[in-house]
Structure formats: C-alpha cells, structure tokens
C-alpha cells in the first residue's frame, strides 16, 4: 500500500509540473460515468440475443459483421467483469455470465479428434479455420468469470481447450504453438496456412507463433495447480525474449509485417502483457525489461492528442492515418499502468493521462441517432472489401476502453 501511495504522489507531482500540466487527471466521477455508459452499451448494443459479440459495425451499411467472435466476446466478458467490480453494478456481471455460457457452448464434444477443443473459427481471412489465438485472446475473461462468479464451469471449459492445444499445438523445443486447425479433419496445419494462401515456401514461423496472448497456460496452472502448464508458460516467455527484436517487437510473426516494417496495434502488447504476468510469477526482471521495450514503441507511436493509429512502422515511415485504433490507445495504457505498478513505468505517466483523456473524449453520445453506436468507444478500421470502402467501428474499442478505465480508477483512486 505504501508503494502505491508513493507512486501516486510521484504521479501527481509530475502532472503538477509545467512539463506535464496539459495532462490532466480524470476525476472519479468522469471515470465512473464513462464506465457505466460503456458497460451499458457493451451489454445492450454489442452483444446479440445469444450474448455473443456482434463485432464490427459497418458505418456505411448500418450492419454488424462477425470477426473472431470467441475472442471478441471474451474481451467483452473481461470488460463487464471489471465494470461490475468498479461500479458495483452486478447487472454487468450477470450479462457477462450469459456471454460466458455462450462461450463455453462452443466446446466440441462430438468430433473424434477435436473433443474438448473450442469451435473458435476465425471468420475473416481464415474463414472456418480454428485459430489458437481466437481462443486464447478470450480466455483471460473466461478465467476471470469463474473467479468472479465462483463457478468453475467456465474455467473448466477453457482449461480443456487449453489442454487440447497444449497436447496438439505446443512445440516445447521452440517455445511456439501452431496457429491453425482444419475444422473438418481436426488436423493441426503444419505446412500450410490460410493467412498465406499464395506463399510457396511455408516455414515454421508462418504456421506458428509464441501465442502467449491471454497467458492461457498461466491461467491453466493457477486453476489446476499443474506445474506442467507453468513450465510451458515460462518456456514461451523465454521464447519471447529470444524472438524480440532490438526495436522491442516480434517482427518475425504476423500480423506484424517485417518486410514493410509495419506492426500490429495490439499483437505485441499481448506479449508484453504476458511478460508482465511472467515477471509477477517469477520475479525475473528480464521479462519486465522486455515489456518496457515494447511499451516504449507504443509510447513513441502515440500522438500528443493520445491517438494511436492502426498501422505504424518501425522504419520511420509515417503512420497510415486512415484507421484510429482506440483499443491500442487503451491497451497500451493498461500495459503502462501495470509497468508503473511494478516500478518500471514512470516514463509512461504522461502517456497514461493522454490515453485517459482520449478515451473519455472519443465516445459516441448516448443520444446518437444510430442506436448501434450509442455509448460506443471509438475504434475505426478502414479497408477495401467486396469492391467497396469498408469502414467499421469495432467493439474492441469499448471492451479495451472499459478495461483501461477500470485499471485507471484503481491506479489513481484505489481499489
């Protein structure tokens, strides 16, 4: 508690100085107002009648489109749990439980090879293919749901899926996991990938990644007590150290694109988050240092306004400004706060406040003419699909925004 008070005093002192006077701290009332508004939207706007995420809202068509539904839903579950914790509004947790029931209903029970795995189809580039990260990006919320409700069924399903992936997709020697599964045959795809349909020479790094998003094996260890999964999690943390470039990212793996020097707005942050988890588990400072290196890349990408764009570059090229990635602004700030909590993030204090102001200011009004956007947090993505401009606002702007604001509330005003 003393360390948190000292850290808070340091934060306030910094922002009192002329150097950071423009970085005002949100009030508790502002944070709670934004959380309640966003959680209401997540509960009634993003989730459909089955309580799964509707994902991407096409702004020109006025229609929703699926995109990796299990991980998008898992993130909303996480966000609603955090919203309930901060506000005390248990209706958010009740909604999260209904979403959790949908998530665990995806467990495969009747396929001879896939029994216990989750039917986590990608739904975009990879079509019906089951993707490792589509599961693991959502499991953090599922394990938290079991903790919050005291109902083990959610974590049990996530653990069974994780066991299947550990047995069939984990490559211990390399500290990697294969990415994709053929949903019909149940075979792990080791020599081809739907993400590289035209690539002739498919290598290991084209079909596998560290896949530490969501710290799945760590949560499995905490839930089961089985040291096997702790060992696997630490092994992948070690591989993250090995594969991290001097710039602080993991450019050997998609959705980073090494040849053009572009990096994904969230992918690397998931690895940084898992490395912070690794540090808190082992106290190995190498993990914390690696997370700091990654966090600096995103701090440098953030504009003074708080904006982080979808596509940025490590080679000095100007960011592509056609998509504003609110989830990156929020997720970066979650990492910056966690680093500060662990004594390694003081340099990011101004970035945290820029993110807070940006997230608070860039929300759709609750009186917006389009009911599909009332209370949404901004997260645009512009692409060219089906011979037309494809402009969407994504649900993850809201889910990551809620997670960040809950963390921000803890950071400034105490748990």
Protein backbone atom coordinates (compact mmCIF):
# COMPACT_ATOMS: atom_id res chain seq x y z
CA UNK A 1 0.00 0.00 0.00
CA UNK A 2 2.85 2.37 0.86
CA UNK A 3 4.45 1.82 -2.53
CA UNK A 4 1.16 2.59 -4.27
CA UNK A 5 0.81 5.84 -2.28
CA UNK A 6 4.37 6.82 -3.13
CA UNK A 7 3.75 6.06 -6.79
CA UNK A 8 0.54 8.08 -6.78
CA UNK A 9 2.33 11.02 -5.14
CA UNK A 10 5.03 10.83 -7.79
CA UNK A 11 2.39 10.79 -10.49
CA UNK A 12 0.63 13.84 -9.05
CA UNK A 13 3.91 15.67 -8.66
CA UNK A 14 4.80 15.07 -12.27
CA UNK A 15 1.49 16.35 -13.52
CA UNK A 16 1.75 19.41 -11.32
CA UNK A 17 4.92 20.39 -13.12
CA UNK A 18 4.83 22.67 -16.15
CA UNK A 19 6.22 19.88 -18.32
CA UNK A 20 3.07 17.80 -17.89
CA UNK A 21 0.48 20.44 -16.99
CA UNK A 22 -1.53 19.62 -20.09
CA UNK A 23 -2.04 16.03 -18.95
CA UNK A 24 -5.00 16.48 -16.57
CA UNK A 25 -6.17 13.54 -14.47
CA UNK A 26 -9.77 12.45 -15.00
CA UNK A 27 -11.98 12.77 -11.93
CA UNK A 28 -13.51 9.69 -10.27
CA UNK A 29 -16.91 10.87 -11.46
CA UNK A 30 -15.74 11.11 -15.07
CA UNK A 31 -14.27 7.61 -14.96
CA UNK A 32 -17.38 6.09 -13.42
CA UNK A 33 -19.65 7.89 -15.88
CA UNK A 34 -17.64 6.60 -18.84
CA UNK A 35 -17.52 3.05 -17.44
CA UNK A 36 -21.27 2.94 -16.83
CA UNK A 37 -22.01 4.36 -20.27
CA UNK A 38 -19.65 1.92 -22.00
CA UNK A 39 -20.79 -1.09 -19.98
CA UNK A 40 -24.40 -0.32 -20.79
CA UNK A 41 -23.51 -0.18 -24.48
CA UNK A 42 -21.49 -3.40 -24.27
CA UNK A 43 -24.44 -5.15 -22.61
CA UNK A 44 -27.21 -3.93 -24.90
CA UNK A 45 -25.52 -2.72 -28.09
CA UNK A 46 -22.60 -5.02 -28.79
CA UNK A 47 -24.00 -8.32 -27.55
CA UNK A 48 -26.71 -10.03 -29.57
CA UNK A 49 -29.64 -12.15 -28.40
CA UNK A 50 -27.25 -15.07 -27.72
CA UNK A 51 -24.98 -12.75 -25.71
CA UNK A 52 -22.10 -13.11 -28.13
CA UNK A 53 -20.32 -10.14 -29.65
CA UNK A 54 -21.61 -8.68 -32.90
CA UNK A 55 -18.00 -7.48 -33.50
CA UNK A 56 -17.65 -4.97 -36.37
CA UNK A 57 -20.30 -2.35 -37.15
CA UNK A 58 -20.21 -1.22 -40.78
CA UNK A 59 -20.86 2.52 -40.69
CA UNK A 60 -21.98 2.85 -44.29
CA UNK A 61 -24.28 -0.17 -44.33
CA UNK A 62 -25.60 0.01 -40.79
CA UNK A 63 -24.89 -3.71 -40.35
CA UNK A 64 -22.80 -5.84 -37.99
CA UNK A 65 -20.22 -8.36 -39.21
CA UNK A 66 -18.61 -11.27 -37.36
CA UNK A 67 -14.88 -11.27 -36.71
CA UNK A 68 -13.26 -13.88 -34.44
CA UNK A 69 -16.32 -13.94 -32.20
CA UNK A 70 -14.88 -16.03 -29.30
CA UNK A 71 -12.05 -13.63 -28.54
CA UNK A 72 -14.18 -10.53 -29.07
CA UNK A 73 -16.79 -11.98 -26.70
CA UNK A 74 -14.11 -12.97 -24.21
CA UNK A 75 -12.85 -9.39 -24.14
CA UNK A 76 -16.35 -8.05 -23.51
CA UNK A 77 -16.76 -10.54 -20.66
CA UNK A 78 -13.48 -9.27 -19.18
CA UNK A 79 -14.64 -5.66 -19.58
CA UNK A 80 -18.04 -6.28 -17.97
CA UNK A 81 -16.43 -8.07 -15.01
CA UNK A 82 -14.13 -5.10 -14.46
CA UNK A 83 -17.03 -2.67 -14.89
CA UNK A 84 -19.06 -4.52 -12.25
CA UNK A 85 -16.09 -4.56 -9.88
CA UNK A 86 -15.51 -0.81 -10.11
CA UNK A 87 -19.13 0.40 -10.18
CA UNK A 88 -20.77 -2.25 -8.02
CA UNK A 89 -23.43 -2.75 -10.70
CA UNK A 90 -23.99 -6.50 -10.68
CA UNK A 91 -26.12 -6.42 -13.83
CA UNK A 92 -22.86 -6.17 -15.78
CA UNK A 93 -21.61 -9.38 -14.17
CA UNK A 94 -24.93 -11.09 -14.85
CA UNK A 95 -24.60 -10.20 -18.52
CA UNK A 96 -21.01 -11.45 -18.53
CA UNK A 97 -22.27 -14.81 -17.18
CA UNK A 98 -24.72 -15.11 -20.07
CA UNK A 99 -21.89 -14.37 -22.51
CA UNK A 100 -19.77 -16.94 -20.72
CA UNK A 101 -22.50 -19.53 -21.17
CA UNK A 102 -22.40 -18.86 -24.91
CA UNK A 103 -18.58 -19.10 -24.94
CA UNK A 104 -18.47 -22.47 -23.22
CA UNK A 105 -21.24 -23.77 -25.51
CA UNK A 106 -18.61 -23.77 -28.27
CA UNK A 107 -16.85 -26.75 -26.70
CA UNK A 108 -16.54 -29.54 -29.25
CA UNK A 109 -17.98 -32.80 -27.92
CA UNK A 110 -18.72 -34.94 -30.95
CA UNK A 111 -15.60 -34.79 -33.15
CA UNK A 112 -13.23 -37.77 -32.78
CA UNK A 113 -10.09 -35.61 -32.95
CA UNK A 114 -11.30 -32.26 -31.62
CA UNK A 115 -13.16 -33.36 -28.48
CA UNK A 116 -12.51 -30.80 -25.75
CA UNK A 117 -11.35 -28.11 -28.16
CA UNK A 118 -13.31 -24.93 -28.82
CA UNK A 119 -15.01 -24.27 -32.16
CA UNK A 120 -13.19 -20.96 -32.45
CA UNK A 121 -13.40 -20.16 -36.14
CA UNK A 122 -11.66 -17.06 -37.36
CA UNK A 123 -14.45 -15.72 -39.53
CA UNK A 124 -12.45 -13.30 -41.65
CA UNK A 125 -9.21 -14.02 -43.56
CA UNK A 126 -9.08 -17.60 -42.32
CA UNK A 127 -12.76 -18.43 -42.76
CA UNK A 128 -13.85 -21.54 -40.86
CA UNK A 129 -10.33 -22.38 -39.68
CA UNK A 130 -9.99 -22.78 -35.91
CA UNK A 131 -7.26 -20.43 -34.66
CA UNK A 132 -5.24 -20.75 -31.46
CA UNK A 133 -5.33 -17.02 -30.65
CA UNK A 134 -9.07 -16.80 -31.29
CA UNK A 135 -9.34 -18.98 -28.18
CA UNK A 136 -6.52 -17.58 -26.07
CA UNK A 137 -7.27 -13.91 -26.70
CA UNK A 138 -10.59 -14.51 -24.96
CA UNK A 139 -9.66 -16.93 -22.18
CA UNK A 140 -8.43 -14.30 -19.71
CA UNK A 141 -12.02 -13.10 -19.40
CA UNK A 142 -13.30 -16.65 -19.05
CA UNK A 143 -10.97 -17.50 -16.16
CA UNK A 144 -11.85 -14.18 -14.50
CA UNK A 145 -15.51 -15.05 -14.88
CA UNK A 146 -15.01 -18.22 -12.85
CA UNK A 147 -13.22 -16.18 -10.20
CA UNK A 148 -15.92 -13.51 -10.08
CA UNK A 149 -18.87 -15.95 -10.02
CA UNK A 150 -17.24 -18.79 -8.06
CA UNK A 151 -18.48 -21.07 -10.83
CA UNK A 152 -15.77 -23.39 -12.10
CA UNK A 153 -17.56 -24.43 -15.28
CA UNK A 154 -16.18 -21.51 -17.29
CA UNK A 155 -12.55 -22.16 -16.37
CA UNK A 156 -13.04 -25.90 -16.82
CA UNK A 157 -14.07 -25.49 -20.46
CA UNK A 158 -11.21 -23.04 -21.12
CA UNK A 159 -8.80 -25.49 -19.49
CA UNK A 160 -10.00 -28.43 -21.58
CA UNK A 161 -9.47 -26.38 -24.74
CA UNK A 162 -6.07 -25.34 -23.46
CA UNK A 163 -5.14 -28.96 -22.75
CA UNK A 164 -6.05 -29.89 -26.32
CA UNK A 165 -3.89 -27.09 -27.66
CA UNK A 166 -1.05 -27.97 -25.30
CA UNK A 167 -1.11 -31.58 -26.46
CA UNK A 168 -1.51 -30.91 -30.17
CA UNK A 169 -0.17 -27.41 -30.91
CA UNK A 170 2.57 -26.62 -28.37
CA UNK A 171 6.14 -27.00 -29.65
CA UNK A 172 8.20 -27.20 -26.48
CA UNK A 173 11.63 -27.10 -28.12
CA UNK A 174 10.86 -23.88 -29.99
CA UNK A 175 8.67 -22.21 -27.38
CA UNK A 176 5.98 -21.79 -30.05
CA UNK A 177 2.45 -23.02 -30.77
CA UNK A 178 0.94 -23.85 -34.13
CA UNK A 179 -1.70 -21.36 -35.22
CA UNK A 180 -4.40 -23.23 -37.12
CA UNK A 181 -6.60 -26.32 -37.16
CA UNK A 182 -8.61 -27.75 -40.03
CA UNK A 183 -12.15 -27.87 -38.57
CA UNK A 184 -13.21 -30.83 -40.71
CA UNK A 185 -10.27 -33.20 -40.24
CA UNK A 186 -9.18 -31.94 -36.84
CA UNK A 187 -5.58 -31.85 -38.06
CA UNK A 188 -3.19 -29.11 -36.98
CA UNK A 189 -1.99 -27.21 -40.06
CA UNK A 190 1.82 -27.51 -40.02
CA UNK A 191 2.73 -26.94 -43.67
CA UNK A 192 0.07 -24.54 -44.92
CA UNK A 193 -1.80 -21.51 -43.65
CA UNK A 194 -4.98 -19.68 -44.71
CA UNK A 195 -3.14 -16.49 -43.86
CA UNK A 196 -0.54 -17.18 -46.58
CA UNK A 197 -2.60 -18.78 -49.38
CA UNK A 198 -0.17 -17.75 -52.14
CA UNK A 199 3.12 -18.34 -50.33
CA UNK A 200 5.15 -21.21 -51.80
CA UNK A 201 7.80 -21.73 -49.15
CA UNK A 202 5.96 -22.06 -45.84
CA UNK A 203 8.29 -22.05 -42.84
CA UNK A 204 7.72 -22.72 -39.16
CA UNK A 205 7.24 -19.03 -38.36
CA UNK A 206 4.47 -18.87 -40.98
CA UNK A 207 2.37 -21.51 -39.22
CA UNK A 208 3.26 -20.90 -35.57
CA UNK A 209 3.91 -18.10 -33.10
CA UNK A 210 4.68 -17.80 -29.38
CA UNK A 211 0.87 -17.44 -28.95
CA UNK A 212 1.15 -16.21 -25.37
CA UNK A 213 -1.86 -13.92 -25.80
CA UNK A 214 -4.12 -14.13 -22.79
CA UNK A 215 -1.48 -16.01 -20.74
CA UNK A 216 -3.60 -19.13 -21.22
CA UNK A 217 -1.12 -21.67 -19.85
CA UNK A 218 -0.52 -19.47 -16.78
CA UNK A 219 -4.25 -19.32 -16.03
CA UNK A 220 -4.47 -23.07 -16.52
CA UNK A 221 -1.67 -23.54 -13.99
CA UNK A 222 -3.38 -21.26 -11.47
CA UNK A 223 -6.67 -23.08 -11.94
CA UNK A 224 -5.37 -26.67 -11.89
CA UNK A 225 -2.13 -26.38 -9.93
CA UNK A 226 -0.46 -28.48 -12.62
CA UNK A 227 3.19 -27.40 -12.90
CA UNK A 228 3.26 -28.64 -16.50
CA UNK A 229 1.40 -25.54 -17.63
CA UNK A 230 3.52 -23.21 -15.53
CA UNK A 231 6.60 -24.67 -17.21
CA UNK A 232 5.05 -24.17 -20.65
CA UNK A 233 4.12 -20.56 -19.87
CA UNK A 234 7.63 -19.74 -18.66
CA UNK A 235 9.11 -21.51 -21.68
CA UNK A 236 7.09 -19.29 -24.01
CA UNK A 237 8.14 -16.22 -22.03
CA UNK A 238 11.72 -17.30 -22.69
CA UNK A 239 10.97 -17.62 -26.40
CA UNK A 240 9.54 -14.10 -26.36
CA UNK A 241 12.89 -12.87 -25.08
CA UNK A 242 14.62 -14.78 -27.86
CA UNK A 243 12.40 -13.52 -30.64
CA UNK A 244 12.06 -9.90 -29.52
CA UNK A 245 13.83 -7.53 -31.89
CA UNK A 246 16.06 -4.65 -30.89
CA UNK A 247 13.16 -2.29 -31.56
CA UNK A 248 11.13 -4.12 -28.90
CA UNK A 249 8.65 -6.05 -31.07
CA UNK A 250 8.15 -9.53 -32.51
CA UNK A 251 8.50 -8.75 -36.19
CA UNK A 252 9.08 -12.38 -37.27
CA UNK A 253 5.43 -13.17 -36.76
CA UNK A 254 2.20 -12.00 -38.33
CA UNK A 255 0.23 -9.77 -38.04
CA UNK A 256 3.47 -7.78 -37.97
CA UNK A 257 4.96 -7.45 -41.44
CA UNK A 258 8.72 -7.46 -41.26
CA UNK A 259 9.43 -6.68 -44.91
CA UNK A 260 7.47 -3.44 -44.91
CA UNK A 261 8.32 -2.65 -41.28
CA UNK A 262 4.71 -2.36 -40.09
CA UNK A 263 3.44 -3.67 -36.79
CA UNK A 264 0.01 -4.55 -35.44
CA UNK A 265 -1.62 -2.17 -32.93
CA UNK A 266 -2.33 -4.83 -30.27
CA UNK A 267 -0.48 -8.06 -31.08
CA UNK A 268 2.82 -7.06 -29.45
CA UNK A 269 1.02 -5.63 -26.42
CA UNK A 270 -0.45 -9.06 -25.68
CA UNK A 271 3.08 -10.40 -25.47
CA UNK A 272 4.14 -7.51 -23.26
CA UNK A 273 1.17 -8.23 -21.01
CA UNK A 274 2.15 -11.90 -20.76
CA UNK A 275 5.73 -10.91 -19.93
CA UNK A 276 4.48 -8.73 -17.08
CA UNK A 277 2.50 -11.76 -15.92
CA UNK A 278 5.72 -13.74 -16.20
CA UNK A 279 7.59 -11.20 -14.10
CA UNK A 280 4.92 -11.22 -11.41
CA UNK A 281 5.08 -15.02 -11.36
CA UNK A 282 8.86 -15.46 -11.35
CA UNK A 283 10.31 -12.02 -10.46
CA UNK A 284 12.65 -12.46 -13.42
CA UNK A 285 13.46 -8.85 -14.31
CA UNK A 286 14.33 -9.78 -17.90
CA UNK A 287 10.62 -10.19 -18.56
CA UNK A 288 9.83 -6.77 -17.15
CA UNK A 289 12.63 -5.16 -19.15
CA UNK A 290 11.35 -6.76 -22.36
CA UNK A 291 7.83 -5.47 -21.66
CA UNK A 292 9.25 -1.97 -21.16
CA UNK A 293 10.99 -2.13 -24.55
CA UNK A 294 7.71 -2.99 -26.22
CA UNK A 295 5.81 -0.33 -24.27
CA UNK A 296 8.21 2.35 -25.48
CA UNK A 297 7.39 1.58 -29.10
CA UNK A 298 3.73 2.31 -28.45
CA UNK A 299 4.52 5.40 -26.37
CA UNK A 300 6.51 6.73 -29.32
CA UNK A 301 3.63 5.90 -31.68
CA UNK A 302 1.13 7.82 -29.56
CA UNK A 303 0.43 11.36 -30.69
CA UNK A 304 0.17 14.21 -28.19
CA UNK A 305 -3.59 14.02 -28.61
CA UNK A 306 -3.49 10.43 -27.32
CA UNK A 307 -4.26 8.91 -30.72
CA UNK A 308 -2.66 5.67 -31.85
CA UNK A 309 -3.33 4.63 -35.43
CA UNK A 310 -3.91 1.10 -36.64
CA UNK A 311 -0.83 0.83 -38.83
CA UNK A 312 2.54 2.09 -37.63
CA UNK A 313 6.10 1.44 -38.76
CA UNK A 314 9.48 0.78 -37.15
CA UNK A 315 11.43 2.22 -40.10
CA UNK A 316 10.47 5.86 -39.67
CA UNK A 317 7.66 5.78 -42.19
CA UNK A 318 4.68 8.00 -41.35
CA UNK A 319 1.74 6.05 -39.84
CA UNK A 320 -1.21 5.23 -42.04
CA UNK A 321 -3.86 7.52 -40.55
CA UNK A 322 -6.97 6.06 -42.15
CA UNK A 323 -7.85 3.96 -39.08
CA UNK A 324 -7.94 5.21 -35.48
CA UNK A 325 -7.28 2.35 -33.08
CA UNK A 326 -8.88 3.20 -29.77
CA UNK A 327 -8.20 -0.32 -28.48
CA UNK A 328 -4.47 0.29 -28.93
CA UNK A 329 -4.69 3.57 -27.01
CA UNK A 330 -6.42 1.72 -24.17
CA UNK A 331 -4.38 -1.49 -24.25
CA UNK A 332 -1.10 0.45 -24.31
CA UNK A 333 -2.25 2.35 -21.24
CA UNK A 334 -3.09 -0.88 -19.43
CA UNK A 335 0.49 -2.02 -20.06
CA UNK A 336 1.92 1.36 -18.99
CA UNK A 337 -0.04 1.25 -15.73
CA UNK A 338 0.99 -2.32 -14.98
CA UNK A 339 4.62 -1.38 -15.57
CA UNK A 340 4.24 1.59 -13.22
CA UNK A 341 2.70 -0.69 -10.59
CA UNK A 342 5.79 -2.88 -10.89
CA UNK A 343 8.17 0.07 -10.54
CA UNK A 344 9.18 0.26 -14.21
CA UNK A 345 6.72 2.65 -15.83
CA UNK A 346 7.32 6.17 -14.54
CA UNK A 347 8.32 7.34 -18.00
CA UNK A 348 4.86 6.43 -19.28
CA UNK A 349 2.82 8.50 -16.81
CA UNK A 350 2.10 11.28 -19.34
CA UNK A 351 1.04 8.68 -21.91
CA UNK A 352 -1.42 7.17 -19.44
CA UNK A 353 -3.14 10.51 -18.97
CA UNK A 354 -3.21 11.21 -22.71
CA UNK A 355 -4.92 7.87 -23.17
CA UNK A 356 -7.43 8.63 -20.42
CA UNK A 357 -8.36 11.99 -21.92
CA UNK A 358 -8.56 10.48 -25.40
CA UNK A 359 -10.78 7.58 -24.36
CA UNK A 360 -13.06 9.84 -22.34
CA UNK A 361 -13.43 12.37 -25.15
CA UNK A 362 -13.76 9.95 -28.06
CA UNK A 363 -17.02 8.20 -27.31
CA UNK A 364 -20.27 8.23 -29.19
CA UNK A 365 -23.07 10.10 -27.46
CA UNK A 366 -25.77 8.07 -25.72
CA UNK A 367 -28.19 10.16 -27.80
CA UNK A 368 -26.52 9.31 -31.11
CA UNK A 369 -29.03 8.97 -33.98
CA UNK A 370 -27.78 5.46 -34.71
CA UNK A 371 -28.74 3.14 -31.82
CA UNK A 372 -25.90 0.79 -32.80
CA UNK A 373 -23.40 3.44 -31.72
CA UNK A 374 -25.00 4.93 -28.60
CA UNK A 375 -22.27 4.88 -25.96
CA UNK A 376 -19.65 3.16 -28.12
CA UNK A 377 -15.96 3.92 -27.72
CA UNK A 378 -14.18 4.96 -30.91
CA UNK A 379 -12.20 2.31 -32.81
CA UNK A 380 -12.36 2.65 -36.58
CA UNK A 381 -10.95 0.37 -39.26
CA UNK A 382 -10.94 1.29 -42.93
CA UNK A 383 -10.37 -1.43 -45.52
CA UNK A 384 -11.32 -2.18 -49.11
CA UNK A 385 -13.57 -5.26 -49.32
CA UNK A 386 -16.18 -6.50 -51.78
CA UNK A 387 -15.26 -3.73 -54.23
CA UNK A 388 -16.22 -1.00 -51.80
CA UNK A 389 -14.95 1.09 -48.90
CA UNK A 390 -15.33 -0.98 -45.73
CA UNK A 391 -15.47 1.37 -42.74
CA UNK A 392 -16.33 -0.09 -39.35
CA UNK A 393 -16.38 0.85 -35.70
CA UNK A 394 -15.13 -2.14 -33.76
CA UNK A 395 -16.46 -3.49 -30.47
CA UNK A 396 -12.96 -3.82 -29.04
CA UNK A 397 -12.63 -0.06 -28.68
CA UNK A 398 -15.27 -0.35 -25.98
CA UNK A 399 -14.04 -3.57 -24.36
CA UNK A 400 -10.42 -2.44 -24.06
CA UNK A 401 -11.57 1.06 -23.12
CA UNK A 402 -13.57 -0.32 -20.19
CA UNK A 403 -10.67 -2.49 -19.06
CA UNK A 404 -8.37 0.52 -19.17
CA UNK A 405 -10.73 2.85 -17.30
CA UNK A 406 -11.17 0.25 -14.55
CA UNK A 407 -7.40 -0.06 -14.27
CA UNK A 408 -7.07 3.72 -14.35
CA UNK A 409 -9.58 4.03 -11.50
CA UNK A 410 -7.56 1.59 -9.41
CA UNK A 411 -4.34 3.38 -10.25
CA UNK A 412 -5.49 6.82 -9.17
CA UNK A 413 -8.26 6.27 -6.66
CA UNK A 414 -7.50 2.91 -5.09
CA UNK A 415 -9.13 -0.48 -5.36
